[in-house]
PDB file of N, CA and C in Angstrom:
ATOM      1  N   MET A   1       0.846  -1.179   0.000  1.00  0.00           N
ATOM      2  CA  MET A   1       0.000   0.000   0.000  1.00  0.00           C
ATOM      3  C   MET A   1       0.889   1.240   0.000  1.00  0.00           C
ATOM      4  N   PHE A   2       0.623   2.142  -0.903  1.00  0.00           N
ATOM      5  CA  PHE A   2       1.420   3.360  -1.021  1.00  0.00           C
ATOM      6  C   PHE A   2       0.712   4.521  -0.331  1.00  0.00           C
ATOM      7  N   TYR A   3       1.493   5.323   0.338  1.00  0.00           N
ATOM      8  CA  TYR A   3       0.958   6.494   1.018  1.00  0.00           C
ATOM      9  C   TYR A   3       1.562   7.736   0.397  1.00  0.00           C
ATOM     10  N   ASN A   4       0.790   8.805   0.375  1.00  0.00           N
ATOM     11  CA  ASN A   4       1.380  10.048  -0.114  1.00  0.00           C
ATOM     12  C   ASN A   4       2.211  10.693   0.996  1.00  0.00           C
ATOM     13  N   SER A   5       2.971  11.680   0.627  1.00  0.00           N
ATOM     14  CA  SER A   5       3.897  12.330   1.556  1.00  0.00           C
ATOM     15  C   SER A   5       3.169  12.926   2.762  1.00  0.00           C
ATOM     16  N   TYR A   6       1.996  13.482   2.543  1.00  0.00           N
ATOM     17  CA  TYR A   6       1.237  14.090   3.638  1.00  0.00           C
ATOM     18  C   TYR A   6       0.867  13.054   4.688  1.00  0.00           C
ATOM     19  N   VAL A   7       0.413  11.870   4.257  1.00  0.00           N
ATOM     20  CA  VAL A   7       0.025  10.820   5.201  1.00  0.00           C
ATOM     21  C   VAL A   7       1.236  10.322   5.979  1.00  0.00           C
ATOM     22  N   ILE A   8       2.374  10.167   5.290  1.00  0.00           N
ATOM     23  CA  ILE A   8       3.598   9.747   5.968  1.00  0.00           C
ATOM     24  C   ILE A   8       4.002  10.785   7.008  1.00  0.00           C
ATOM     25  N   ASP A   9       3.988  12.060   6.636  1.00  0.00           N
ATOM     26  CA  ASP A   9       4.349  13.123   7.570  1.00  0.00           C
ATOM     27  C   ASP A   9       3.409  13.138   8.771  1.00  0.00           C
ATOM     28  N   LEU A  10       2.121  12.994   8.523  1.00  0.00           N
ATOM     29  CA  LEU A  10       1.140  13.015   9.601  1.00  0.00           C
ATOM     30  C   LEU A  10       1.356  11.844  10.548  1.00  0.00           C
ATOM     31  N   HIS A  11       1.584  10.656   9.981  1.00  0.00           N
ATOM     32  CA  HIS A  11       1.801   9.467  10.802  1.00  0.00           C
ATOM     33  C   HIS A  11       3.076   9.602  11.638  1.00  0.00           C
ATOM     34  N   MET A  12       4.157  10.069  11.042  1.00  0.00           N
ATOM     35  CA  MET A  12       5.415  10.232  11.766  1.00  0.00           C
ATOM     36  C   MET A  12       5.287  11.307  12.849  1.00  0.00           C
ATOM     37  N   ASP A  13       4.561  12.362  12.554  1.00  0.00           N
ATOM     38  CA  ASP A  13       4.353  13.400  13.563  1.00  0.00           C
ATOM     39  C   ASP A  13       3.578  12.842  14.753  1.00  0.00           C
ATOM     40  N   ARG A  14       2.586  11.999  14.491  1.00  0.00           N
ATOM     41  CA  ARG A  14       1.826  11.378  15.585  1.00  0.00           C
ATOM     42  C   ARG A  14       2.711  10.454  16.405  1.00  0.00           C
ATOM     43  N   LEU A  15       3.566   9.657  15.727  1.00  0.00           N
ATOM     44  CA  LEU A  15       4.487   8.783  16.450  1.00  0.00           C
ATOM     45  C   LEU A  15       5.429   9.594  17.332  1.00  0.00           C
ATOM     46  N   LEU A  16       5.950  10.655  16.764  1.00  0.00           N
ATOM     47  CA  LEU A  16       6.881  11.512  17.494  1.00  0.00           C
ATOM     48  C   LEU A  16       6.201  12.140  18.699  1.00  0.00           C
ATOM     49  N   THR A  17       5.001  12.661  18.513  1.00  0.00           N
ATOM     50  CA  THR A  17       4.268  13.295  19.609  1.00  0.00           C
ATOM     51  C   THR A  17       3.970  12.298  20.718  1.00  0.00           C
ATOM     52  N   THR A  18       3.532  11.096  20.354  1.00  0.00           N
ATOM     53  CA  THR A  18       3.221  10.067  21.350  1.00  0.00           C
ATOM     54  C   THR A  18       4.468   9.670  22.130  1.00  0.00           C
ATOM     55  N   ALA A  19       5.569   9.446  21.422  1.00  0.00           N
ATOM     56  CA  ALA A  19       6.811   9.045  22.081  1.00  0.00           C
ATOM     57  C   ALA A  19       7.297  10.129  23.038  1.00  0.00           C
ATOM     58  N   LEU A  20       7.298  11.369  22.575  1.00  0.00           N
ATOM     59  CA  LEU A  20       7.786  12.455  23.417  1.00  0.00           C
ATOM     60  C   LEU A  20       6.879  12.688  24.621  1.00  0.00           C
ATOM     61  N   THR A  21       5.566  12.511  24.446  1.00  0.00           N
ATOM     62  CA  THR A  21       4.631  12.674  25.560  1.00  0.00           C
ATOM     63  C   THR A  21       4.883  11.634  26.635  1.00  0.00           C
ATOM     64  N   GLN A  22       5.105  10.384  26.226  1.00  0.00           N
ATOM     65  CA  GLN A  22       5.353   9.314  27.191  1.00  0.00           C
ATOM     66  C   GLN A  22       6.667   9.542  27.952  1.00  0.00           C
ATOM     67  N   ILE A  23       7.701   9.955  27.241  1.00  0.00           N
ATOM     68  CA  ILE A  23       8.980  10.187  27.911  1.00  0.00           C
ATOM     69  C   ILE A  23       8.896  11.407  28.815  1.00  0.00           C
ATOM     70  N   LYS A  24       8.208  12.436  28.378  1.00  0.00           N
ATOM     71  CA  LYS A  24       8.044  13.628  29.212  1.00  0.00           C
ATOM     72  C   LYS A  24       7.352  13.266  30.522  1.00  0.00           C
ATOM     73  N   LYS A  25       6.346  12.405  30.441  1.00  0.00           N
ATOM     74  CA  LYS A  25       5.641  11.947  31.637  1.00  0.00           C
ATOM     75  C   LYS A  25       6.608  11.249  32.595  1.00  0.00           C
ATOM     76  N   GLN A  26       7.465  10.391  32.056  1.00  0.00           N
ATOM     77  CA  GLN A  26       8.445   9.692  32.885  1.00  0.00           C
ATOM     78  C   GLN A  26       9.436  10.667  33.520  1.00  0.00           C
ATOM     79  N   VAL A  27       9.863  11.654  32.739  1.00  0.00           N
ATOM     80  CA  VAL A  27      10.814  12.642  33.269  1.00  0.00           C
ATOM     81  C   VAL A  27      10.179  13.423  34.418  1.00  0.00           C
ATOM     82  N   LEU A  28       8.933  13.845  34.242  1.00  0.00           N
ATOM     83  CA  LEU A  28       8.257  14.602  35.291  1.00  0.00           C
ATOM     84  C   LEU A  28       8.041  13.757  36.542  1.00  0.00           C
ATOM     85  N   GLU A  29       7.727  12.489  36.362  1.00  0.00           N
ATOM     86  CA  GLU A  29       7.530  11.608  37.511  1.00  0.00           C
ATOM     87  C   GLU A  29       8.826  11.429  38.297  1.00  0.00           C
ATOM     88  N   CYS A  30       9.925  11.201  37.614  1.00  0.00           N
ATOM     89  CA  CYS A  30      11.175  10.978  38.343  1.00  0.00           C
ATOM     90  C   CYS A  30      11.761  12.281  38.857  1.00  0.00           C
ATOM     91  N   ALA A  31      11.382  13.403  38.285  1.00  0.00           N
ATOM     92  CA  ALA A  31      11.904  14.690  38.753  1.00  0.00           C
ATOM     93  C   ALA A  31      11.365  15.049  40.134  1.00  0.00           C
ATOM     94  N   HIS A  32      10.235  14.473  40.518  1.00  0.00           N
ATOM     95  CA  HIS A  32       9.668  14.762  41.829  1.00  0.00           C
ATOM     96  C   HIS A  32      10.452  14.099  42.951  1.00  0.00           C
ATOM     97  N   SER A  33      11.258  13.116  42.617  1.00  0.00           N
ATOM     98  CA  SER A  33      12.063  12.432  43.632  1.00  0.00           C
ATOM     99  C   SER A  33      13.416  13.134  43.749  1.00  0.00           C
ATOM    100  N   LEU A  34      13.922  13.229  44.940  1.00  0.00           N
ATOM    101  CA  LEU A  34      15.180  13.943  45.161  1.00  0.00           C
ATOM    102  C   LEU A  34      16.363  13.006  45.365  1.00  0.00           C
ATOM    103  N   THR A  35      16.159  11.706  45.201  1.00  0.00           N
ATOM    104  CA  THR A  35      17.264  10.770  45.418  1.00  0.00           C
ATOM    105  C   THR A  35      18.240  10.836  44.246  1.00  0.00           C
ATOM    106  N   GLN A  36      19.479  10.487  44.514  1.00  0.00           N
ATOM    107  CA  GLN A  36      20.528  10.503  43.488  1.00  0.00           C
ATOM    108  C   GLN A  36      20.189   9.542  42.354  1.00  0.00           C
ATOM    109  N   PHE A  37      19.688   8.356  42.703  1.00  0.00           N
ATOM    110  CA  PHE A  37      19.352   7.363  41.683  1.00  0.00           C
ATOM    111  C   PHE A  37      18.305   7.903  40.722  1.00  0.00           C
ATOM    112  N   LYS A  38      17.279   8.536  41.267  1.00  0.00           N
ATOM    113  CA  LYS A  38      16.214   9.076  40.413  1.00  0.00           C
ATOM    114  C   LYS A  38      16.731  10.227  39.557  1.00  0.00           C
ATOM    115  N   SER A  39      17.620  11.042  40.101  1.00  0.00           N
ATOM    116  CA  SER A  39      18.180  12.144  39.323  1.00  0.00           C
ATOM    117  C   SER A  39      18.942  11.620  38.108  1.00  0.00           C
ATOM    118  N   GLU A  40      19.682  10.525  38.310  1.00  0.00           N
ATOM    119  CA  GLU A  40      20.412   9.922  37.194  1.00  0.00           C
ATOM    120  C   GLU A  40      19.442   9.346  36.169  1.00  0.00           C
ATOM    121  N   GLN A  41      18.321   8.799  36.636  1.00  0.00           N
ATOM    122  CA  GLN A  41      17.316   8.285  35.712  1.00  0.00           C
ATOM    123  C   GLN A  41      16.734   9.413  34.865  1.00  0.00           C
ATOM    124  N   CYS A  42      16.534  10.564  35.457  1.00  0.00           N
ATOM    125  CA  CYS A  42      16.005  11.711  34.707  1.00  0.00           C
ATOM    126  C   CYS A  42      16.922  12.067  33.548  1.00  0.00           C
ATOM    127  N   ILE A  43      18.215  12.036  33.796  1.00  0.00           N
ATOM    128  CA  ILE A  43      19.179  12.345  32.736  1.00  0.00           C
ATOM    129  C   ILE A  43      19.051  11.324  31.603  1.00  0.00           C
ATOM    130  N   VAL A  44      18.888  10.050  31.970  1.00  0.00           N
ATOM    131  CA  VAL A  44      18.737   9.005  30.958  1.00  0.00           C
ATOM    132  C   VAL A  44      17.474   9.231  30.139  1.00  0.00           C
ATOM    133  N   TYR A  45      16.375   9.578  30.801  1.00  0.00           N
ATOM    134  CA  TYR A  45      15.127   9.833  30.073  1.00  0.00           C
ATOM    135  C   TYR A  45      15.255  11.020  29.133  1.00  0.00           C
ATOM    136  N   ILE A  46      15.914  12.080  29.585  1.00  0.00           N
ATOM    137  CA  ILE A  46      16.088  13.262  28.737  1.00  0.00           C
ATOM    138  C   ILE A  46      16.940  12.915  27.516  1.00  0.00           C
ATOM    139  N   GLU A  47      17.996  12.112  27.721  1.00  0.00           N
ATOM    140  CA  GLU A  47      18.795  11.666  26.581  1.00  0.00           C
ATOM    141  C   GLU A  47      17.957  10.788  25.659  1.00  0.00           C
ATOM    142  N   GLY A  48      17.047  10.009  26.236  1.00  0.00           N
ATOM    143  CA  GLY A  48      16.159   9.163  25.446  1.00  0.00           C
ATOM    144  C   GLY A  48      15.263   9.968  24.531  1.00  0.00           C
ATOM    145  N   ILE A  49      14.819  11.119  25.004  1.00  0.00           N
ATOM    146  CA  ILE A  49      13.993  11.995  24.164  1.00  0.00           C
ATOM    147  C   ILE A  49      14.755  12.372  22.902  1.00  0.00           C
ATOM    148  N   GLU A  50      16.013  12.739  23.063  1.00  0.00           N
ATOM    149  CA  GLU A  50      16.816  13.147  21.914  1.00  0.00           C
ATOM    150  C   GLU A  50      17.032  11.988  20.948  1.00  0.00           C
ATOM    151  N   VAL A  51      17.286  10.793  21.490  1.00  0.00           N
ATOM    152  CA  VAL A  51      17.524   9.625  20.646  1.00  0.00           C
ATOM    153  C   VAL A  51      16.272   9.271  19.851  1.00  0.00           C
ATOM    154  N   ILE A  52      15.122   9.238  20.512  1.00  0.00           N
ATOM    155  CA  ILE A  52      13.873   8.899  19.827  1.00  0.00           C
ATOM    156  C   ILE A  52      13.546   9.952  18.771  1.00  0.00           C
ATOM    157  N   HIS A  53      13.756  11.203  19.105  1.00  0.00           N
ATOM    158  CA  HIS A  53      13.488  12.271  18.138  1.00  0.00           C
ATOM    159  C   HIS A  53      14.345  12.095  16.884  1.00  0.00           C
ATOM    160  N   LEU A  54      15.639  11.863  17.071  1.00  0.00           N
ATOM    161  CA  LEU A  54      16.531  11.688  15.923  1.00  0.00           C
ATOM    162  C   LEU A  54      16.143  10.460  15.104  1.00  0.00           C
ATOM    163  N   PHE A  55      15.797   9.363  15.796  1.00  0.00           N
ATOM    164  CA  PHE A  55      15.395   8.142  15.100  1.00  0.00           C
ATOM    165  C   PHE A  55      14.157   8.381  14.237  1.00  0.00           C
ATOM    166  N   LEU A  56      13.143   9.015  14.809  1.00  0.00           N
ATOM    167  CA  LEU A  56      11.908   9.243  14.056  1.00  0.00           C
ATOM    168  C   LEU A  56      12.105  10.222  12.905  1.00  0.00           C
ATOM    169  N   VAL A  57      12.969  11.201  13.099  1.00  0.00           N
ATOM    170  CA  VAL A  57      13.264  12.129  12.003  1.00  0.00           C
ATOM    171  C   VAL A  57      13.945  11.376  10.854  1.00  0.00           C
ATOM    172  N   HIS A  58      14.871  10.460  11.187  1.00  0.00           N
ATOM    173  CA  HIS A  58      15.535   9.680  10.142  1.00  0.00           C
ATOM    174  C   HIS A  58      14.552   8.751   9.431  1.00  0.00           C
ATOM    175  N   VAL A  59      13.673   8.115  10.188  1.00  0.00           N
ATOM    176  CA  VAL A  59      12.672   7.245   9.578  1.00  0.00           C
ATOM    177  C   VAL A  59      11.766   8.047   8.655  1.00  0.00           C
ATOM    178  N   LYS A  60      11.346   9.207   9.108  1.00  0.00           N
ATOM    179  CA  LYS A  60      10.491  10.070   8.287  1.00  0.00           C
ATOM    180  C   LYS A  60      11.218  10.466   7.005  1.00  0.00           C
ATOM    181  N   THR A  61      12.488  10.794   7.106  1.00  0.00           N
ATOM    182  CA  THR A  61      13.281  11.171   5.937  1.00  0.00           C
ATOM    183  C   THR A  61      13.391  10.005   4.955  1.00  0.00           C
ATOM    184  N   ILE A  62      13.633   8.806   5.481  1.00  0.00           N
ATOM    185  CA  ILE A  62      13.745   7.626   4.617  1.00  0.00           C
ATOM    186  C   ILE A  62      12.442   7.374   3.874  1.00  0.00           C
ATOM    187  N   PHE A  63      11.321   7.412   4.593  1.00  0.00           N
ATOM    188  CA  PHE A  63      10.031   7.190   3.939  1.00  0.00           C
ATOM    189  C   PHE A  63       9.747   8.271   2.895  1.00  0.00           C
ATOM    190  N   SER A  64      10.075   9.498   3.210  1.00  0.00           N
ATOM    191  CA  SER A  64       9.847  10.588   2.257  1.00  0.00           C
ATOM    192  C   SER A  64      10.690  10.393   1.006  1.00  0.00           C
ATOM    193  N   ARG A  65      11.947   9.983   1.180  1.00  0.00           N
ATOM    194  CA  ARG A  65      12.822   9.754   0.023  1.00  0.00           C
ATOM    195  C   ARG A  65      12.327   8.571  -0.807  1.00  0.00           C
ATOM    196  N   LEU A  66      11.916   7.495  -0.142  1.00  0.00           N
ATOM    197  CA  LEU A  66      11.392   6.340  -0.872  1.00  0.00           C
ATOM    198  C   LEU A  66      10.160   6.728  -1.677  1.00  0.00           C
ATOM    199  N   TYR A  67       9.306   7.517  -1.060  1.00  0.00           N
ATOM    200  CA  TYR A  67       8.087   7.943  -1.771  1.00  0.00           C
ATOM    201  C   TYR A  67       8.431   8.802  -2.986  1.00  0.00           C
ATOM    202  N   ASN A  68       9.397   9.688  -2.812  1.00  0.00           N
ATOM    203  CA  ASN A  68       9.766  10.591  -3.914  1.00  0.00           C
ATOM    204  C   ASN A  68      10.455   9.858  -5.062  1.00  0.00           C
ATOM    205  N   TYR A  69      11.134   8.731  -4.777  1.00  0.00           N
ATOM    206  CA  TYR A  69      11.805   7.974  -5.827  1.00  0.00           C
ATOM    207  C   TYR A  69      10.843   7.077  -6.597  1.00  0.00           C
ATOM    208  N   GLU A  70       9.673   6.800  -6.036  1.00  0.00           N
ATOM    209  CA  GLU A  70       8.706   5.902  -6.692  1.00  0.00           C
ATOM    210  C   GLU A  70       8.151   6.555  -7.934  1.00  0.00           C
TER     211      GLU A  70
END
């Protein structure tokens, strides 16, 4: 099944929004704790946001390029 560029962009934007919302929730939950262990977890979650964002941007780019070459 082929999708146009708009549908791919919309789907990737939804994936990105969902992923970032879930990680943001985790960051806010662990930020309420003042223990050293939880503080380190917050850093990991924040780094996770960047990794997921970059991954989804690359996936979106790949799908867009594949669509444009068809």
